[in-house]
Amino acid sequence: MAQLIRHSRTFILCLLLLSTIFLASTASAGITYTLKQSHAVPGETVNIQAVLFNDTDTAMTWTSPKNLVLQWRNENGQTIRSLAYLEGAAAAINVPVNNFIKLSWRAVVPTEAQGLQAINIEGESTLLALDTNPREHSLIAGTPAAVPVIDAGAASNGSRIDPPLPKNVVAATGASVEQGPSVSSTRQLASHSSSAFDNFRSAISAYEPIYFDFGTKHGNNARYQVSFKYRLFTPNDPANPDFIDNLYLGYTQTALWDLESDSYPFVDTSFKPSLFWHKDALWQSPEKNWFVGLATGVQHESNGKSDEDSRSVNYGYIQPELNYRFDGGSTLTFAPRIKGYFGGGDHNPDYRDYAGNVDWQLRYAQDNGLVLTGLYRQGHDSHYTTQIEAAWPLKRTFLNMNGYLHVQYFKGYGETLLGYNHKSDGQVRVGIALVP
C-alpha cells in the first residue's frame, strides 16, 4: 500500500508538469431554441425544441430544467407569461466533445394571445415568433415582463382570461413571481445546485461500459460490469475547466457468474479502483473533425479473495485518444492504453506475460445508433485476448425502452483475474447495456 501511495504521488507530480504544455481553447458550449410550429391558435400546444451543443475540449454535464418561463408579447407590447414543460424527466445530461443533444418542451398558447406574438424564454436572448412575418419586422422583448405567470389554456367557458398560477408553482421554477428578467441576461449552462445530493449527482458520470450479458457455452453463465467516475473538482467555468478539474476517481467491477452449478456461485469478481486525469480534446483541427485526447492514471485490480485464490495487479498508464468525427454524426476513436506494472501480487507474478503492456482499443459510435468496440492484448508467445462488442439503442426497436441491446464476444486469456493464465474458448453473450 505504501508503494502504491508513493507511485500515486509521482503520478500527480507528473500531471502538474504536463499542465504547462497544454494550450487554452477558444471553443464554446451553448444551447439554441427553435419553435417547431409557425402557427397555432389559443389553446393549442406548441413545441419548443433545443439543441445543446458542446464545442469545447472536454465533456460537459448539464441539468435540463423541468420548466421554461415564456414571455409572450403582441404588437402593442402587451405581455403574458406562461410555463413550458419538459418532455421526459429532468436529468443530468452528458454531452461529449463535438456532440449535441436534442431536447423539447411543450407549451399551450395562452387564451389572450392574439395576432403576432413574439416569444422569449426568460433569461435567454432567443426570439421565437408564432406567425409568418419576416423576423426583422417582429418585436424583440428587451424589457422585463412585469406580469404574473398564467396557467395557459385554462380559461373557463365563460371567461377569456387564463387564471394565474399559484406563486409556489412559479417560484419552484426559479423564476420571479411578479416579474421576469430582461432577455439580455444569460442563463448558465452549469447547474449550481445547493444540496449535497445534487452536487454529488452532477459530479458522477459513466466511465467504462455498463452491461449484463448472458451466455450458454459450457453451461449457463453471465458476465456483467458496472462502472462510474467521480469528478473531484467542480469547474468554475464548465466551458473552460482548469487543469485540476479533469482529475477523477474511477471504479469498475466486472464479474463472471456461474448460472449452471448449485447455488449459482460467482466464478470471480474484479474490483478496479483508479485515480486518473482525462481531457477529451487537448488539440482540435480547425474543422474540428479531428481531435486528440489524453487519459493517464493509476489503477489497482484485485479479486478480493485470500490464500491461493488471491490475485492483484497495479499499473500506471497513459492513453492517447485519436478521434475522427464524421459529417454523418459518428465518431471513430483509437485509444491504446500503455501500461507499466508495479507491486504485483505474490500469486500472479507472471501476469504481464499474459496481459502484455498495451490494450489496443478501437471504438466506432454513431449518434443515437450503433456502437462497436474492440479490444486486443498480446502477451508473450501465443498469449492474447480478443473482445468485440456491439450495441444498438432499444429506443430504436419495437420495445422503445432505455438502454442498448448488447452483444459481446470474448476469446483468450484474462476473462477473470483469477484465471488470468487460463485460455477461454470463444463465447458470445447477449444482454442489455446501460452504457455501451
Protein backbone atom coordinates (compact mmCIF):
# COMPACT_ATOMS: atom_id res chain seq x y z
CA MET A 1 0.00 0.00 0.00
CA ALA A 2 2.86 2.38 0.86
CA GLN A 3 4.37 1.70 -2.54
CA LEU A 4 1.03 2.43 -4.24
CA ILE A 5 0.79 5.76 -2.39
CA ARG A 6 4.33 6.70 -3.45
CA HIS A 7 3.53 5.92 -7.08
CA SER A 8 0.29 7.92 -6.82
CA ARG A 9 2.25 10.96 -5.60
CA THR A 10 4.66 10.59 -8.50
CA PHE A 11 1.70 10.40 -10.90
CA ILE A 12 0.17 13.64 -9.57
CA LEU A 13 3.52 15.44 -9.88
CA CYS A 14 3.76 14.26 -13.49
CA LEU A 15 0.31 15.66 -14.16
CA LEU A 16 1.35 19.06 -12.82
CA LEU A 17 4.35 19.05 -15.16
CA LEU A 18 2.18 18.11 -18.13
CA SER A 19 -0.15 21.04 -17.47
CA THR A 20 2.49 23.54 -18.62
CA ILE A 21 2.29 22.28 -22.23
CA PHE A 22 -1.48 22.46 -22.69
CA LEU A 23 -2.94 25.24 -24.86
CA ALA A 24 -6.03 27.23 -23.99
CA SER A 25 -9.11 26.56 -26.11
CA THR A 26 -11.38 29.18 -27.63
CA ALA A 27 -14.25 26.75 -28.15
CA SER A 28 -17.63 27.20 -26.51
CA ALA A 29 -20.79 25.45 -25.43
CA GLY A 30 -24.34 26.67 -25.65
CA ILE A 31 -27.98 25.98 -26.33
CA THR A 32 -30.20 27.15 -29.17
CA TYR A 33 -34.01 27.16 -29.27
CA THR A 34 -36.49 26.89 -32.13
CA LEU A 35 -40.28 26.81 -32.34
CA LYS A 36 -41.49 23.75 -34.24
CA GLN A 37 -44.81 25.32 -35.32
CA SER A 38 -45.16 28.52 -37.32
CA HIS A 39 -48.85 28.96 -36.50
CA ALA A 40 -51.18 27.92 -33.68
CA VAL A 41 -54.41 29.28 -32.20
CA PRO A 42 -55.04 29.88 -28.46
CA GLY A 43 -55.46 26.62 -26.58
CA GLU A 44 -53.32 24.59 -28.97
CA THR A 45 -49.98 23.06 -27.98
CA VAL A 46 -46.69 24.17 -29.49
CA ASN A 47 -43.25 22.59 -29.11
CA ILE A 48 -40.06 24.43 -28.26
CA GLN A 49 -37.06 22.42 -29.36
CA ALA A 50 -33.49 22.97 -28.22
CA VAL A 51 -30.07 21.79 -29.29
CA LEU A 52 -27.49 21.66 -26.50
CA PHE A 53 -24.07 21.65 -28.18
CA ASN A 54 -20.60 21.11 -26.79
CA ASP A 55 -17.87 22.65 -28.92
CA THR A 56 -15.31 22.65 -26.10
CA ASP A 57 -12.34 20.37 -25.49
CA THR A 58 -13.91 18.41 -22.63
CA ALA A 59 -17.17 16.56 -21.97
CA MET A 60 -19.92 18.69 -20.43
CA THR A 61 -22.64 17.94 -17.90
CA TRP A 62 -25.85 19.99 -17.86
CA THR A 63 -29.11 19.52 -15.99
CA SER A 64 -32.17 20.22 -18.14
CA PRO A 65 -34.78 22.47 -16.46
CA LYS A 66 -38.18 20.90 -15.97
CA ASN A 67 -39.91 24.15 -16.93
CA LEU A 68 -39.17 27.21 -19.04
CA VAL A 69 -40.95 30.52 -18.38
CA LEU A 70 -42.13 32.08 -21.64
CA GLN A 71 -42.82 35.75 -22.32
CA TRP A 72 -45.49 36.41 -24.95
CA ARG A 73 -45.71 39.93 -26.46
CA ASN A 74 -48.08 41.24 -29.10
CA GLU A 75 -47.54 44.16 -31.49
CA ASN A 76 -48.72 46.61 -28.81
CA GLY A 77 -46.17 45.35 -26.28
CA GLN A 78 -48.74 43.65 -24.02
CA THR A 79 -47.12 40.73 -22.20
CA ILE A 80 -48.21 37.33 -20.94
CA ARG A 81 -46.07 34.80 -19.05
CA SER A 82 -46.68 31.04 -19.10
CA LEU A 83 -44.84 27.78 -18.48
CA ALA A 84 -43.37 25.30 -20.96
CA TYR A 85 -42.99 21.70 -19.74
CA LEU A 86 -40.06 19.41 -20.50
CA GLU A 87 -40.96 16.27 -22.46
CA GLY A 88 -39.47 13.50 -20.37
CA ALA A 89 -37.84 13.59 -16.96
CA ALA A 90 -35.33 16.25 -15.98
CA ALA A 91 -31.88 14.75 -15.62
CA ALA A 92 -28.17 15.48 -15.79
CA ILE A 93 -27.10 15.21 -19.44
CA ASN A 94 -23.57 14.26 -20.52
CA VAL A 95 -22.53 15.83 -23.82
CA PRO A 96 -19.25 14.51 -25.32
CA VAL A 97 -16.80 16.69 -27.23
CA ASN A 98 -18.09 17.92 -30.62
CA ASN A 99 -21.52 16.49 -29.90
CA PHE A 100 -25.02 17.76 -29.24
CA ILE A 101 -28.23 16.69 -27.51
CA LYS A 102 -31.80 17.48 -28.58
CA LEU A 103 -34.45 18.50 -26.04
CA SER A 104 -38.09 19.53 -26.29
CA TRP A 105 -40.63 21.42 -24.15
CA ARG A 106 -44.37 21.75 -24.81
CA ALA A 107 -46.45 24.85 -24.12
CA VAL A 108 -50.08 25.84 -24.57
CA VAL A 109 -50.82 29.08 -26.43
CA PRO A 110 -52.49 31.42 -23.89
CA THR A 111 -56.13 32.30 -24.48
CA GLU A 112 -55.30 36.02 -24.53
CA ALA A 113 -52.58 35.65 -27.15
CA GLN A 114 -53.92 37.20 -30.34
CA GLY A 115 -52.25 38.03 -33.66
CA LEU A 116 -48.48 38.33 -33.98
CA GLN A 117 -46.69 37.01 -30.89
CA ALA A 118 -43.00 37.43 -30.11
CA ILE A 119 -41.99 34.70 -27.65
CA ASN A 120 -38.94 34.85 -25.45
CA ILE A 121 -37.57 32.32 -22.97
CA GLU A 122 -36.79 34.21 -19.80
CA GLY A 123 -33.07 34.63 -19.32
CA GLU A 124 -32.31 33.93 -22.98
CA SER A 125 -31.76 36.30 -25.90
CA THR A 126 -33.64 33.93 -28.22
CA LEU A 127 -36.62 35.37 -30.12
CA LEU A 128 -39.35 32.99 -31.28
CA ALA A 129 -42.37 34.06 -33.33
CA LEU A 130 -45.74 32.45 -33.80
CA ASP A 131 -46.55 33.99 -37.19
CA THR A 132 -45.22 34.14 -40.73
CA ASN A 133 -43.95 37.71 -40.77
CA PRO A 134 -40.27 38.27 -41.54
CA ARG A 135 -38.17 38.22 -38.40
CA GLU A 136 -36.92 41.78 -38.89
CA HIS A 137 -40.49 43.05 -38.53
CA SER A 138 -41.15 41.27 -35.25
CA LEU A 139 -40.87 42.82 -31.81
CA ILE A 140 -37.88 41.94 -29.64
CA ALA A 141 -38.66 41.90 -25.95
CA GLY A 142 -35.96 43.97 -24.28
CA THR A 143 -37.66 44.83 -21.01
CA PRO A 144 -38.82 42.63 -18.13
CA ALA A 145 -42.37 41.24 -18.28
CA ALA A 146 -43.98 42.72 -15.14
CA VAL A 147 -46.98 40.38 -15.09
CA PRO A 148 -47.77 37.11 -13.29
CA VAL A 149 -47.31 33.67 -14.89
CA ILE A 150 -50.67 32.31 -16.00
CA ASP A 151 -51.95 28.77 -16.49
CA ALA A 152 -52.13 28.82 -20.29
CA GLY A 153 -55.20 27.21 -21.81
CA ALA A 154 -57.09 27.00 -18.50
CA ALA A 155 -59.68 29.69 -19.25
CA SER A 156 -63.23 28.56 -18.42
CA ASN A 157 -66.03 28.59 -20.97
CA GLY A 158 -67.39 31.87 -19.65
CA SER A 159 -64.06 33.65 -19.42
CA ARG A 160 -61.43 34.72 -21.91
CA ILE A 161 -58.75 35.12 -19.23
CA ASP A 162 -56.40 32.34 -18.06
CA PRO A 163 -56.01 32.27 -14.26
CA PRO A 164 -52.60 32.98 -12.69
CA LEU A 165 -50.57 30.01 -11.48
CA PRO A 166 -50.05 29.66 -7.71
CA LYS A 167 -46.99 31.57 -6.58
CA ASN A 168 -45.30 28.47 -5.17
CA VAL A 169 -45.53 26.75 -8.58
CA VAL A 170 -43.83 29.70 -10.26
CA ALA A 171 -41.20 30.03 -7.53
CA ALA A 172 -40.34 26.33 -7.87
CA THR A 173 -39.05 27.02 -11.41
CA GLY A 174 -36.59 29.58 -10.08
CA ALA A 175 -38.45 32.47 -11.73
CA SER A 176 -39.64 35.65 -10.06
CA VAL A 177 -43.31 35.56 -9.06
CA GLU A 178 -44.06 39.08 -10.22
CA GLN A 179 -41.55 39.96 -12.92
CA GLY A 180 -39.30 38.14 -15.34
CA PRO A 181 -35.75 39.20 -16.17
CA SER A 182 -34.78 41.03 -19.32
CA VAL A 183 -33.93 38.72 -22.20
CA SER A 184 -30.47 40.29 -22.35
CA SER A 185 -29.46 38.35 -19.23
CA THR A 186 -27.91 34.93 -19.76
CA ARG A 187 -28.84 31.50 -18.48
CA GLN A 188 -25.85 29.50 -17.24
CA LEU A 189 -25.36 26.06 -18.75
CA ALA A 190 -23.93 24.79 -15.48
CA SER A 191 -26.33 23.65 -12.81
CA HIS A 192 -25.36 25.11 -9.41
CA SER A 193 -27.46 23.07 -7.01
CA SER A 194 -27.24 23.77 -3.32
CA SER A 195 -27.99 20.32 -1.92
CA ALA A 196 -25.21 17.82 -1.26
CA PHE A 197 -27.01 15.15 -3.28
CA ASP A 198 -27.34 17.39 -6.34
CA ASN A 199 -23.65 18.27 -6.12
CA PHE A 200 -22.81 14.56 -5.95
CA ARG A 201 -25.12 13.73 -8.85
CA SER A 202 -23.59 16.41 -11.07
CA ALA A 203 -20.04 15.13 -10.35
CA ILE A 204 -20.70 11.42 -11.04
CA SER A 205 -20.89 10.03 -14.59
CA ALA A 206 -20.38 6.89 -16.66
CA TYR A 207 -16.85 5.53 -17.05
CA GLU A 208 -16.37 2.11 -18.64
CA PRO A 209 -19.30 0.23 -20.28
CA ILE A 210 -22.13 -0.98 -18.01
CA TYR A 211 -23.78 -4.22 -19.15
CA PHE A 212 -25.26 -7.58 -18.17
CA ASP A 213 -24.81 -10.37 -20.74
CA PHE A 214 -25.95 -13.99 -20.77
CA GLY A 215 -24.21 -16.96 -22.45
CA THR A 216 -24.68 -20.72 -22.67
CA LYS A 217 -21.29 -22.16 -23.66
CA HIS A 218 -20.04 -24.67 -21.04
CA GLY A 219 -23.30 -24.13 -19.14
CA ASN A 220 -25.45 -21.09 -18.47
CA ASN A 221 -23.37 -18.14 -17.35
CA ALA A 222 -23.43 -14.37 -17.18
CA ARG A 223 -20.84 -11.64 -17.34
CA TYR A 224 -21.61 -8.16 -16.08
CA GLN A 225 -19.84 -4.89 -15.42
CA VAL A 226 -20.69 -1.70 -13.52
CA SER A 227 -18.52 1.39 -13.72
CA PHE A 228 -18.57 5.08 -12.85
CA LYS A 229 -16.23 8.01 -12.33
CA TYR A 230 -16.39 10.94 -9.90
CA ARG A 231 -15.06 14.38 -10.75
CA LEU A 232 -13.07 15.61 -7.77
CA PHE A 233 -13.35 19.33 -8.54
CA THR A 234 -16.28 21.30 -9.99
CA PRO A 235 -15.18 23.76 -12.70
CA ASN A 236 -15.94 27.41 -12.05
CA ASP A 237 -16.41 27.76 -15.81
CA PRO A 238 -17.68 24.48 -17.34
CA ALA A 239 -16.76 25.66 -20.84
CA ASN A 240 -13.13 26.25 -19.79
CA PRO A 241 -12.22 23.89 -16.94
CA ASP A 242 -8.87 24.26 -15.18
CA PHE A 243 -6.22 21.55 -15.28
CA ILE A 244 -7.20 20.09 -11.89
CA ASP A 245 -10.88 19.99 -12.88
CA ASN A 246 -10.08 16.98 -15.09
CA LEU A 247 -8.99 14.78 -12.16
CA TYR A 248 -11.27 11.80 -11.41
CA LEU A 249 -11.74 8.84 -9.14
CA GLY A 250 -12.94 5.77 -11.04
CA TYR A 251 -14.41 2.45 -10.03
CA THR A 252 -15.19 -0.58 -12.20
CA GLN A 253 -16.41 -4.02 -11.14
CA THR A 254 -16.52 -6.99 -13.51
CA ALA A 255 -17.83 -10.45 -12.62
CA LEU A 256 -18.32 -13.86 -14.21
CA TRP A 257 -21.37 -15.65 -12.79
CA ASP A 258 -22.00 -19.40 -12.97
CA LEU A 259 -25.75 -19.92 -13.50
CA GLU A 260 -25.48 -23.68 -14.02
CA SER A 261 -23.98 -25.06 -10.79
CA ASP A 262 -25.74 -25.47 -7.46
CA SER A 263 -26.10 -22.20 -5.50
CA TYR A 264 -25.17 -20.23 -8.66
CA PRO A 265 -21.70 -19.17 -7.47
CA PHE A 266 -19.64 -16.29 -8.83
CA VAL A 267 -16.58 -17.66 -10.60
CA ASP A 268 -14.61 -14.48 -9.93
CA THR A 269 -15.12 -10.75 -9.41
CA SER A 270 -12.61 -8.00 -10.18
CA PHE A 271 -12.61 -4.73 -8.22
CA LYS A 272 -10.83 -1.89 -10.03
CA PRO A 273 -10.48 1.49 -8.26
CA SER A 274 -8.44 4.13 -10.07
CA LEU A 275 -7.21 7.72 -9.94
CA PHE A 276 -6.78 9.39 -13.31
CA TRP A 277 -6.67 12.62 -15.30
CA HIS A 278 -8.69 12.82 -18.51
CA LYS A 279 -9.29 15.50 -21.12
CA ASP A 280 -11.32 14.74 -24.22
CA ALA A 281 -9.56 17.16 -26.54
CA LEU A 282 -6.08 18.57 -25.95
CA TRP A 283 -5.99 19.56 -29.61
CA GLN A 284 -8.60 20.01 -32.33
CA SER A 285 -8.23 20.61 -36.05
CA PRO A 286 -9.60 23.89 -37.43
CA GLU A 287 -12.52 21.96 -38.95
CA LYS A 288 -12.99 20.15 -35.59
CA ASN A 289 -13.36 16.79 -37.26
CA TRP A 290 -10.06 15.61 -35.73
CA PHE A 291 -9.37 15.90 -32.00
CA VAL A 292 -6.83 14.29 -29.70
CA GLY A 293 -7.50 13.49 -26.04
CA LEU A 294 -5.45 12.02 -23.21
CA ALA A 295 -6.07 9.85 -20.15
CA THR A 296 -3.36 8.96 -17.64
CA GLY A 297 -3.55 7.47 -14.17
CA VAL A 298 -3.01 4.54 -11.83
CA GLN A 299 -5.29 1.53 -11.29
CA HIS A 300 -5.42 -1.27 -8.75
CA GLU A 301 -7.23 -4.52 -9.56
CA SER A 302 -7.89 -7.42 -7.22
CA ASN A 303 -10.44 -10.21 -6.82
CA GLY A 304 -10.92 -9.83 -3.06
CA LYS A 305 -10.01 -13.45 -2.33
CA SER A 306 -7.43 -14.87 0.06
CA ASP A 307 -4.73 -17.56 0.10
CA GLU A 308 -4.15 -19.39 -3.19
CA ASP A 309 -7.11 -17.73 -4.93
CA SER A 310 -5.83 -14.21 -4.25
CA ARG A 311 -4.98 -12.14 -7.33
CA SER A 312 -4.00 -8.48 -7.64
CA VAL A 313 -2.23 -6.15 -10.04
CA ASN A 314 -1.26 -2.46 -10.04
CA TYR A 315 -0.30 -0.38 -13.04
CA GLY A 316 0.18 3.18 -14.19
CA TYR A 317 -0.92 4.03 -17.70
CA ILE A 318 -1.03 6.67 -20.38
CA GLN A 319 -3.76 6.55 -23.01
CA PRO A 320 -3.67 8.88 -26.04
CA GLU A 321 -7.04 9.12 -27.80
CA LEU A 322 -7.21 9.90 -31.51
CA ASN A 323 -10.74 10.80 -32.62
CA TYR A 324 -12.28 11.49 -36.00
CA ARG A 325 -15.76 13.00 -36.25
CA PHE A 326 -17.66 12.07 -39.44
CA ASP A 327 -20.06 14.52 -41.07
CA GLY A 328 -22.88 11.98 -40.80
CA GLY A 329 -22.84 12.08 -36.98
CA SER A 330 -20.49 9.35 -35.78
CA THR A 331 -17.06 9.20 -34.13
CA LEU A 332 -14.15 6.80 -34.62
CA THR A 333 -11.72 6.54 -31.68
CA PHE A 334 -8.36 4.79 -31.45
CA ALA A 335 -7.15 4.70 -27.83
CA PRO A 336 -4.21 2.42 -26.99
CA ARG A 337 -3.61 2.13 -23.23
CA ILE A 338 0.12 1.73 -22.48
CA LYS A 339 0.65 0.14 -19.06
CA GLY A 340 3.55 -0.14 -16.63
CA TYR A 341 3.13 -2.62 -13.76
CA PHE A 342 4.36 -2.22 -10.19
CA GLY A 343 3.85 -4.01 -6.86
CA GLY A 344 2.15 -7.11 -8.34
CA GLY A 345 0.52 -9.85 -6.27
CA ASP A 346 2.56 -12.77 -4.94
CA HIS A 347 0.18 -15.27 -6.58
CA ASN A 348 0.40 -13.82 -10.10
CA PRO A 349 3.98 -12.56 -10.70
CA ASP A 350 3.77 -13.53 -14.41
CA TYR A 351 0.60 -11.52 -15.10
CA ARG A 352 2.42 -9.32 -17.64
CA ASP A 353 3.27 -12.40 -19.73
CA TYR A 354 -0.44 -12.99 -20.38
CA ALA A 355 -1.86 -9.42 -20.47
CA GLY A 356 1.01 -7.61 -22.18
CA ASN A 357 1.74 -3.89 -21.82
CA VAL A 358 -0.76 -2.41 -24.29
CA ASP A 359 -4.55 -2.55 -24.54
CA TRP A 360 -5.29 -1.85 -28.22
CA GLN A 361 -8.76 -0.25 -28.25
CA LEU A 362 -10.91 0.84 -31.19
CA ARG A 363 -14.42 2.31 -30.99
CA TYR A 364 -16.99 3.44 -33.56
CA ALA A 365 -20.08 5.21 -32.20
CA GLN A 366 -23.00 6.63 -34.15
CA ASP A 367 -25.09 9.36 -32.56
CA ASN A 368 -28.12 7.56 -31.15
CA GLY A 369 -27.16 4.48 -33.12
CA LEU A 370 -24.75 1.58 -33.49
CA VAL A 371 -21.73 1.35 -31.16
CA LEU A 372 -18.87 -1.04 -32.00
CA THR A 373 -15.83 -1.58 -29.75
CA GLY A 374 -12.81 -3.82 -29.99
CA LEU A 375 -10.04 -4.73 -27.51
CA TYR A 376 -6.88 -6.71 -28.25
CA ARG A 377 -3.97 -7.63 -25.94
CA GLN A 378 -0.83 -9.51 -26.89
CA GLY A 379 1.32 -11.10 -24.18
CA HIS A 380 4.39 -13.27 -24.60
CA ASP A 381 4.35 -16.12 -27.08
CA SER A 382 0.78 -17.03 -28.06
CA HIS A 383 -0.94 -15.36 -25.11
CA TYR A 384 -3.60 -12.99 -26.42
CA THR A 385 -7.02 -11.54 -25.60
CA THR A 386 -9.77 -10.55 -28.04
CA GLN A 387 -13.03 -8.84 -27.04
CA ILE A 388 -15.53 -7.43 -29.55
CA GLU A 389 -18.79 -5.71 -28.61
CA ALA A 390 -21.79 -4.29 -30.45
CA ALA A 391 -24.67 -2.23 -29.05
CA TRP A 392 -27.90 -0.89 -30.56
CA PRO A 393 -30.27 1.56 -28.77
CA LEU A 394 -33.50 -0.11 -27.67
CA LYS A 395 -35.32 3.19 -28.26
CA ARG A 396 -34.96 2.40 -31.94
CA THR A 397 -36.65 -1.00 -31.62
CA PHE A 398 -40.27 -2.02 -31.07
CA LEU A 399 -39.52 -2.14 -27.33
CA ASN A 400 -38.96 1.65 -27.24
CA MET A 401 -37.10 1.38 -23.92
CA ASN A 402 -33.94 2.82 -22.42
CA GLY A 403 -30.59 1.08 -22.76
CA TYR A 404 -28.97 -0.91 -25.55
CA LEU A 405 -29.15 -4.41 -26.97
CA HIS A 406 -25.61 -5.64 -26.23
CA VAL A 407 -23.61 -8.46 -27.81
CA GLN A 408 -20.12 -9.41 -26.57
CA TYR A 409 -17.58 -11.89 -27.95
CA PHE A 410 -14.60 -12.93 -25.81
CA LYS A 411 -11.71 -15.28 -26.55
CA GLY A 412 -8.29 -15.70 -25.00
CA TYR A 413 -6.68 -15.10 -21.63
CA GLY A 414 -7.84 -13.00 -18.72
CA GLU A 415 -11.62 -13.23 -18.79
CA THR A 416 -11.30 -13.27 -15.00
CA LEU A 417 -8.42 -12.12 -12.82
CA LEU A 418 -8.44 -15.50 -11.04
CA GLY A 419 -7.96 -17.27 -14.38
CA TYR A 420 -5.58 -14.74 -15.95
CA ASN A 421 -3.38 -17.64 -17.15
CA HIS A 422 -6.25 -19.83 -18.42
CA LYS A 423 -7.40 -19.57 -22.04
CA SER A 424 -11.15 -19.22 -22.62
CA ASP A 425 -12.76 -20.58 -25.76
CA GLY A 426 -14.61 -18.09 -27.90
CA GLN A 427 -18.03 -17.29 -26.45
CA VAL A 428 -20.84 -14.95 -27.50
CA ARG A 429 -23.05 -13.41 -24.83
CA VAL A 430 -26.15 -11.29 -25.35
CA GLY A 431 -27.80 -8.89 -22.93
CA ILE A 432 -28.54 -5.28 -22.08
CA ALA A 433 -26.13 -2.37 -21.72
CA LEU A 434 -26.90 0.85 -19.90
CA VAL A 435 -23.68 2.41 -21.19
CA PRO A 436 -22.15 0.77 -24.31
